[in-house]
Protein backbone atom coordinates (compact mmCIF):
# COMPACT_ATOMS: atom_id res chain seq x y z
CA UNK A 1 0.00 0.00 0.00
CA UNK A 2 1.00 3.62 -0.33
CA UNK A 3 1.13 3.95 3.44
CA UNK A 4 3.84 1.32 3.68
CA UNK A 5 5.89 3.08 1.01
CA UNK A 6 5.70 6.41 2.85
CA UNK A 7 6.57 4.72 6.13
CA UNK A 8 9.70 3.18 4.62
CA UNK A 9 10.69 6.50 3.08
CA UNK A 10 10.26 8.25 6.43
CA UNK A 11 12.28 5.56 8.17
CA UNK A 12 15.13 6.00 5.69
CA UNK A 13 15.15 9.77 6.15
CA UNK A 14 15.27 9.38 9.92
CA UNK A 15 18.13 6.89 9.70
CA UNK A 16 20.09 9.29 7.49
CA UNK A 17 19.53 12.12 9.97
CA UNK A 18 20.82 9.92 12.78
CA UNK A 19 23.94 9.12 10.76
CA UNK A 20 24.56 12.83 10.22
CA UNK A 21 24.06 13.55 13.93
CA UNK A 22 26.48 10.76 14.84
PDB file of N, CA and C in Angstrom:
ATOM      1  N   UNK A   1       0.841  -1.216   0.000  1.00  0.00           N
ATOM      2  CA  UNK A   1       0.000   0.000   0.000  1.00  0.00           C
ATOM      3  C   UNK A   1       0.871   1.258   0.000  1.00  0.00           C
ATOM      4  N   UNK A   2       0.269   2.357  -0.303  1.00  0.00           N
ATOM      5  CA  UNK A   2       1.005   3.625  -0.328  1.00  0.00           C
ATOM      6  C   UNK A   2       1.521   3.972   1.061  1.00  0.00           C
ATOM      7  N   UNK A   3       0.732   3.631   2.067  1.00  0.00           N
ATOM      8  CA  UNK A   3       1.125   3.954   3.444  1.00  0.00           C
ATOM      9  C   UNK A   3       2.455   3.289   3.785  1.00  0.00           C
ATOM     10  N   UNK A   4       2.595   2.044   3.377  1.00  0.00           N
ATOM     11  CA  UNK A   4       3.838   1.318   3.680  1.00  0.00           C
ATOM     12  C   UNK A   4       5.019   1.996   2.988  1.00  0.00           C
ATOM     13  N   UNK A   5       4.812   2.425   1.762  1.00  0.00           N
ATOM     14  CA  UNK A   5       5.886   3.082   1.012  1.00  0.00           C
ATOM     15  C   UNK A   5       6.324   4.365   1.724  1.00  0.00           C
ATOM     16  N   UNK A   6       5.364   5.170   2.153  1.00  0.00           N
ATOM     17  CA  UNK A   6       5.699   6.411   2.849  1.00  0.00           C
ATOM     18  C   UNK A   6       6.398   6.121   4.163  1.00  0.00           C
ATOM     19  N   UNK A   7       5.957   5.072   4.848  1.00  0.00           N
ATOM     20  CA  UNK A   7       6.570   4.718   6.126  1.00  0.00           C
ATOM     21  C   UNK A   7       8.037   4.353   5.923  1.00  0.00           C
ATOM     22  N   UNK A   8       8.313   3.573   4.895  1.00  0.00           N
ATOM     23  CA  UNK A   8       9.700   3.176   4.620  1.00  0.00           C
ATOM     24  C   UNK A   8      10.541   4.389   4.244  1.00  0.00           C
ATOM     25  N   UNK A   9       9.964   5.292   3.472  1.00  0.00           N
ATOM     26  CA  UNK A   9      10.688   6.497   3.079  1.00  0.00           C
ATOM     27  C   UNK A   9      11.027   7.331   4.313  1.00  0.00           C
ATOM     28  N   UNK A  10      10.048   7.480   5.202  1.00  0.00           N
ATOM     29  CA  UNK A  10      10.261   8.245   6.433  1.00  0.00           C
ATOM     30  C   UNK A  10      11.353   7.592   7.274  1.00  0.00           C
ATOM     31  N   UNK A  11      11.296   6.287   7.368  1.00  0.00           N
ATOM     32  CA  UNK A  11      12.284   5.564   8.169  1.00  0.00           C
ATOM     33  C   UNK A  11      13.692   5.798   7.609  1.00  0.00           C
ATOM     34  N   UNK A  12      13.818   5.778   6.307  1.00  0.00           N
ATOM     35  CA  UNK A  12      15.128   5.995   5.687  1.00  0.00           C
ATOM     36  C   UNK A  12      15.633   7.411   5.961  1.00  0.00           C
ATOM     37  N   UNK A  13      14.751   8.388   5.872  1.00  0.00           N
ATOM     38  CA  UNK A  13      15.148   9.769   6.146  1.00  0.00           C
ATOM     39  C   UNK A  13      15.628   9.912   7.584  1.00  0.00           C
ATOM     40  N   UNK A  14      14.903   9.304   8.505  1.00  0.00           N
ATOM     41  CA  UNK A  14      15.272   9.382   9.923  1.00  0.00           C
ATOM     42  C   UNK A  14      16.631   8.731  10.142  1.00  0.00           C
ATOM     43  N   UNK A  15      16.846   7.593   9.528  1.00  0.00           N
ATOM     44  CA  UNK A  15      18.129   6.892   9.700  1.00  0.00           C
ATOM     45  C   UNK A  15      19.282   7.742   9.148  1.00  0.00           C
ATOM     46  N   UNK A  16      19.042   8.434   8.053  1.00  0.00           N
ATOM     47  CA  UNK A  16      20.090   9.288   7.491  1.00  0.00           C
ATOM     48  C   UNK A  16      20.381  10.454   8.425  1.00  0.00           C
ATOM     49  N   UNK A  17      19.340  11.013   9.029  1.00  0.00           N
ATOM     50  CA  UNK A  17      19.527  12.121   9.971  1.00  0.00           C
ATOM     51  C   UNK A  17      20.356  11.646  11.156  1.00  0.00           C
ATOM     52  N   UNK A  18      20.079  10.446  11.638  1.00  0.00           N
ATOM     53  CA  UNK A  18      20.818   9.918  12.779  1.00  0.00           C
ATOM     54  C   UNK A  18      22.289   9.755  12.409  1.00  0.00           C
ATOM     55  N   UNK A  19      22.549   9.299  11.194  1.00  0.00           N
ATOM     56  CA  UNK A  19      23.940   9.120  10.758  1.00  0.00           C
ATOM     57  C   UNK A  19      24.656  10.466  10.731  1.00  0.00           C
ATOM     58  N   UNK A  20      23.959  11.493  10.276  1.00  0.00           N
ATOM     59  CA  UNK A  20      24.557  12.832  10.215  1.00  0.00           C
ATOM     60  C   UNK A  20      24.840  13.335  11.630  1.00  0.00           C
ATOM     61  N   UNK A  21      23.892  13.106  12.533  1.00  0.00           N
ATOM     62  CA  UNK A  21      24.059  13.547  13.927  1.00  0.00           C
ATOM     63  C   UNK A  21      25.256  12.836  14.554  1.00  0.00           C
ATOM     64  N   UNK A  22      25.372  11.532  14.268  1.00  0.00           N
ATOM     65  CA  UNK A  22      26.480  10.761  14.841  1.00  0.00           C
ATOM     66  C   UNK A  22      27.725  10.987  14.001  1.00  0.00           C
TER      67      UNK A  22
END
